[in-house]
């Protein structure tokens, strides 16, 4: 029996329990996820994702995996970049999020070269050396075993390929911390209650950001998983960081 514990926000839970609790959060918020993203970040999440796309270097005919791809905003842009000869796999462990993403992209006529796969980031169901680029945006902090997930990404990435982790991180300007804390723990749950009738899920999301590894720790975790040339870019004063690593 596995008696390991991990964090679900500020709460200690068993490894087995965390996956179910995270699933409950995203089942609850799936339908209003995009609306809340825009409200929570005041639209800035679109700029963070645009930078991720620009730095990906993805080209026609390549194969891209977007893990925790949710409602499909990255996948839609990658679909255009890889073209009809390429392939994008939108993977998410949560079937509610995956359904929202599939429906949203189909409504926009963007499902031609996209596959939708329900998958756990820790056990990616793809062959070795398969993808030219792997992205995970605002999903790694919800994974139970982040080290195992990074190793799984490394396995399915082609030599020469790049992994990109876009995630909330630790602000680099200390004066921001009181404002950021008030926003995270008071305003976010209030907006969650107002928009989705679910304050608790947004309380968890705020707590999960605080429990996520800082910039240097995540960089070291990527290196330990096998990635080379690891680096990160702090965005919006470190509130978000984009980590990149390569497989040689």
Protein backbone atom coordinates (compact mmCIF):
# COMPACT_ATOMS: atom_id res chain seq x y z
CA UNK A 1 0.00 0.00 0.00
CA UNK A 2 1.29 3.46 -0.92
CA UNK A 3 1.26 5.66 2.19
CA UNK A 4 2.94 8.64 0.54
CA UNK A 5 1.31 12.01 1.06
CA UNK A 6 1.32 15.12 -1.09
CA UNK A 7 -0.30 18.54 -1.16
CA UNK A 8 -3.82 19.32 -2.28
CA UNK A 9 -3.51 23.07 -1.84
CA UNK A 10 -2.45 23.52 1.79
CA UNK A 11 -3.96 20.16 2.80
CA UNK A 12 -1.93 16.94 3.11
CA UNK A 13 -3.60 14.04 1.29
CA UNK A 14 -2.55 10.61 0.06
CA UNK A 15 -1.16 10.33 -3.48
CA UNK A 16 -4.19 8.29 -4.53
CA UNK A 17 -6.62 10.84 -3.07
CA UNK A 18 -5.10 13.88 -4.78
CA UNK A 19 -5.95 12.79 -8.33
CA UNK A 20 -9.63 12.44 -7.46
CA UNK A 21 -9.74 15.77 -5.66
CA UNK A 22 -8.08 17.61 -8.57
CA UNK A 23 -10.51 15.91 -10.95
CA UNK A 24 -13.40 17.24 -8.88
CA UNK A 25 -12.06 20.79 -9.14
CA UNK A 26 -11.84 20.70 -12.94
CA UNK A 27 -15.15 18.90 -13.41
CA UNK A 28 -16.65 21.79 -11.44
CA UNK A 29 -14.99 24.66 -13.34
CA UNK A 30 -14.72 23.23 -16.89
CA UNK A 31 -17.67 25.10 -18.43
CA UNK A 32 -16.53 28.51 -17.13
CA UNK A 33 -12.76 27.87 -17.28
CA UNK A 34 -11.99 30.31 -20.10
CA UNK A 35 -14.15 33.08 -18.63
CA UNK A 36 -12.41 32.71 -15.28
CA UNK A 37 -8.94 32.67 -16.90
CA UNK A 38 -9.66 36.00 -18.55
CA UNK A 39 -11.02 37.49 -15.33
CA UNK A 40 -8.29 36.11 -13.07
CA UNK A 41 -5.41 37.28 -15.24
CA UNK A 42 -7.15 40.34 -16.71
CA UNK A 43 -6.49 38.76 -20.10
CA UNK A 44 -2.71 38.58 -19.62
CA UNK A 45 -2.74 34.75 -19.84
CA UNK A 46 -3.19 35.21 -23.59
CA UNK A 47 0.13 37.08 -23.79
CA UNK A 48 1.91 34.41 -21.72
CA UNK A 49 0.60 31.72 -24.06
CA UNK A 50 1.48 33.76 -27.16
CA UNK A 51 5.10 33.96 -25.97
CA UNK A 52 5.10 30.20 -25.43
CA UNK A 53 3.93 29.68 -29.01
CA UNK A 54 6.54 32.10 -30.38
CA UNK A 55 9.42 30.45 -28.51
CA UNK A 56 8.30 26.93 -29.43
CA UNK A 57 9.74 27.18 -32.93
CA UNK A 58 7.08 24.73 -34.12
CA UNK A 59 7.03 24.32 -37.91
CA UNK A 60 4.96 22.73 -40.66
CA UNK A 61 4.74 18.95 -40.48
CA UNK A 62 5.82 18.61 -36.86
CA UNK A 63 4.12 16.68 -34.07
CA UNK A 64 3.14 18.58 -30.90
CA UNK A 65 1.78 17.34 -27.57
CA UNK A 66 -0.13 19.80 -25.37
CA UNK A 67 -0.55 18.23 -21.92
CA UNK A 68 -3.34 19.47 -19.64
CA UNK A 69 -4.50 21.19 -22.83
CA UNK A 70 -7.96 21.77 -21.42
CA UNK A 71 -10.03 24.07 -23.57
CA UNK A 72 -7.56 24.04 -26.45
CA UNK A 73 -6.21 27.58 -26.86
CA UNK A 74 -2.60 26.40 -27.35
CA UNK A 75 -3.68 23.44 -29.47
CA UNK A 76 -5.62 25.73 -31.83
CA UNK A 77 -2.53 27.83 -32.52
CA UNK A 78 -0.26 24.79 -32.91
CA UNK A 79 -2.78 23.30 -35.35
CA UNK A 80 -2.24 26.21 -37.72
CA UNK A 81 1.55 26.09 -37.32
CA UNK A 82 1.99 22.38 -38.09
CA UNK A 83 -0.49 22.44 -40.99
CA UNK A 84 -2.25 19.48 -42.61
CA UNK A 85 0.92 17.35 -42.66
CA UNK A 86 1.53 17.85 -38.94
CA UNK A 87 -0.29 16.61 -35.87
CA UNK A 88 -1.32 18.09 -32.52
CA UNK A 89 -2.34 15.91 -29.59
CA UNK A 90 -4.42 17.68 -26.94
CA UNK A 91 -4.12 15.54 -23.81
CA UNK A 92 -5.91 16.07 -20.52
CA UNK A 93 -6.58 13.77 -17.60
CA UNK A 94 -9.99 15.35 -17.04
CA UNK A 95 -12.76 14.24 -19.40
CA UNK A 96 -14.90 17.32 -18.66
CA UNK A 97 -12.09 19.65 -19.73
CA UNK A 98 -11.34 17.48 -22.76
CA UNK A 99 -14.97 17.60 -23.88
CA UNK A 100 -15.07 21.40 -23.56
CA UNK A 101 -11.86 21.63 -25.60
CA UNK A 102 -13.10 19.25 -28.29
CA UNK A 103 -16.44 21.06 -28.64
CA UNK A 104 -14.82 24.49 -28.66
CA UNK A 105 -12.30 23.62 -31.38
CA UNK A 106 -14.92 21.81 -33.46
CA UNK A 107 -17.13 24.91 -33.30
CA UNK A 108 -14.19 26.93 -34.68
CA UNK A 109 -13.50 24.36 -37.40
CA UNK A 110 -10.05 23.55 -36.01
CA UNK A 111 -10.24 19.81 -35.27
CA UNK A 112 -8.77 18.46 -38.54
CA UNK A 113 -5.21 17.71 -37.42
CA UNK A 114 -5.87 17.52 -33.66
CA UNK A 115 -6.26 14.31 -31.67
CA UNK A 116 -7.92 14.37 -28.25
CA UNK A 117 -6.51 11.92 -25.71
CA UNK A 118 -7.48 11.44 -22.07
CA UNK A 119 -4.11 10.80 -20.44
CA UNK A 120 -2.26 11.07 -17.16
CA UNK A 121 0.90 13.18 -17.51
CA UNK A 122 2.76 10.70 -15.31
CA UNK A 123 2.08 7.82 -17.71
CA UNK A 124 1.85 9.27 -21.21
CA UNK A 125 0.45 6.63 -23.61
CA UNK A 126 2.74 7.47 -26.54
CA UNK A 127 5.84 5.86 -28.07
CA UNK A 128 9.38 6.90 -27.19
CA UNK A 129 10.91 9.79 -29.18
CA UNK A 130 7.55 10.74 -30.70
CA UNK A 131 6.98 14.53 -30.38
CA UNK A 132 8.94 17.53 -31.66
CA UNK A 133 7.53 19.82 -28.95
CA UNK A 134 5.66 19.25 -25.68
CA UNK A 135 3.85 21.99 -23.78
CA UNK A 136 2.06 22.02 -20.44
CA UNK A 137 0.42 25.31 -19.47
CA UNK A 138 -0.88 25.80 -15.93
CA UNK A 139 -1.15 22.05 -15.43
CA UNK A 140 2.05 20.79 -13.82
CA UNK A 141 1.16 22.10 -10.36
CA UNK A 142 -1.91 19.80 -10.35
CA UNK A 143 0.12 16.67 -11.11
CA UNK A 144 0.67 14.36 -8.13
CA UNK A 145 4.20 13.20 -9.03
CA UNK A 146 5.81 16.02 -10.99
CA UNK A 147 9.16 14.24 -11.29
CA UNK A 148 7.53 11.21 -12.87
CA UNK A 149 5.56 13.44 -15.25
CA UNK A 150 8.76 15.20 -16.37
CA UNK A 151 10.44 11.84 -16.98
CA UNK A 152 7.42 10.73 -18.98
CA UNK A 153 7.62 13.89 -21.11
CA UNK A 154 11.33 13.30 -21.66
CA UNK A 155 10.67 9.74 -22.85
CA UNK A 156 8.12 10.71 -25.53
CA UNK A 157 10.07 13.77 -26.76
CA UNK A 158 12.25 13.35 -29.86
CA UNK A 159 15.99 14.04 -29.58
CA UNK A 160 16.38 17.72 -30.45
CA UNK A 161 12.85 18.40 -29.24
CA UNK A 162 11.78 20.95 -26.64
CA UNK A 163 9.54 20.81 -23.57
CA UNK A 164 7.90 24.03 -22.36
CA UNK A 165 6.33 24.41 -18.91
CA UNK A 166 4.23 27.55 -18.44
CA UNK A 167 3.20 27.83 -14.82
CA UNK A 168 2.52 30.20 -11.96
CA UNK A 169 5.69 30.75 -9.96
CA UNK A 170 7.23 32.93 -7.27
CA UNK A 171 7.09 36.75 -7.69
CA UNK A 172 10.53 38.32 -7.94
CA UNK A 173 9.41 41.68 -6.51
CA UNK A 174 8.85 41.23 -2.76
CA UNK A 175 6.68 44.35 -2.55
CA UNK A 176 4.12 42.51 -4.69
CA UNK A 177 3.59 39.71 -2.18
CA UNK A 178 0.96 41.34 0.10
CA UNK A 179 -1.11 42.47 -2.89
CA UNK A 180 -0.70 39.09 -4.61
CA UNK A 181 -1.75 37.23 -1.45
CA UNK A 182 -4.83 39.40 -0.96
CA UNK A 183 -5.79 38.89 -4.60
CA UNK A 184 -5.20 35.13 -4.49
CA UNK A 185 -6.93 34.29 -1.22
CA UNK A 186 -9.72 36.85 -1.13
CA UNK A 187 -10.61 38.04 -4.62
CA UNK A 188 -10.10 34.76 -6.53
CA UNK A 189 -12.46 32.69 -4.35
CA UNK A 190 -14.99 35.53 -4.48
CA UNK A 191 -14.85 35.57 -8.30
CA UNK A 192 -15.10 31.77 -8.32
CA UNK A 193 -18.25 31.95 -6.20
CA UNK A 194 -19.72 34.68 -8.41
CA UNK A 195 -18.95 33.13 -11.82
CA UNK A 196 -18.96 29.36 -11.18
CA UNK A 197 -20.75 29.15 -7.82
CA UNK A 198 -17.61 27.39 -6.56
CA UNK A 199 -15.36 29.34 -4.21
CA UNK A 200 -13.61 26.22 -2.89
CA UNK A 201 -12.14 25.21 -6.25
CA UNK A 202 -10.57 28.64 -6.69
CA UNK A 203 -9.32 28.57 -3.11
CA UNK A 204 -7.55 25.31 -4.03
CA UNK A 205 -6.12 26.84 -7.22
CA UNK A 206 -4.65 29.75 -5.24
CA UNK A 207 -3.17 27.37 -2.67
CA UNK A 208 -1.76 25.07 -5.36
CA UNK A 209 0.16 28.01 -6.84
CA UNK A 210 1.83 28.64 -3.46
CA UNK A 211 2.83 24.97 -3.11
CA UNK A 212 4.33 24.73 -6.60
CA UNK A 213 8.16 24.62 -6.82
CA UNK A 214 9.90 27.95 -7.38
CA UNK A 215 11.77 28.78 -10.58
CA UNK A 216 15.16 27.33 -9.63
CA UNK A 217 13.67 24.18 -8.07
CA UNK A 218 11.63 23.40 -11.18
CA UNK A 219 14.67 24.01 -13.38
CA UNK A 220 16.62 21.49 -11.28
CA UNK A 221 13.75 18.99 -11.49
CA UNK A 222 13.81 19.26 -15.29
CA UNK A 223 17.55 18.68 -15.35
CA UNK A 224 17.14 15.65 -13.08
CA UNK A 225 14.55 14.26 -15.52
CA UNK A 226 17.19 14.38 -18.27
CA UNK A 227 16.52 17.70 -20.02
CA UNK A 228 19.45 19.81 -21.21
CA UNK A 229 19.92 23.57 -21.70
CA UNK A 230 17.19 24.24 -19.14
CA UNK A 231 16.29 27.88 -18.61
CA UNK A 232 13.31 29.96 -17.56
CA UNK A 233 11.83 33.34 -18.37
CA UNK A 234 10.07 35.24 -15.59
CA UNK A 235 6.86 36.83 -16.85
CA UNK A 236 4.89 39.59 -15.09
CA UNK A 237 7.52 39.92 -12.32
CA UNK A 238 7.74 36.15 -11.79
CA UNK A 239 4.03 35.62 -11.14
CA UNK A 240 4.38 33.23 -14.07
CA UNK A 241 7.51 31.53 -15.41
CA UNK A 242 8.11 29.77 -18.71
CA UNK A 243 10.61 26.92 -18.30
CA UNK A 244 12.23 25.33 -21.35
CA UNK A 245 14.40 22.25 -21.75
CA UNK A 246 15.70 20.10 -24.62
CA UNK A 247 16.36 16.43 -25.26
CA UNK A 248 19.75 15.86 -26.84
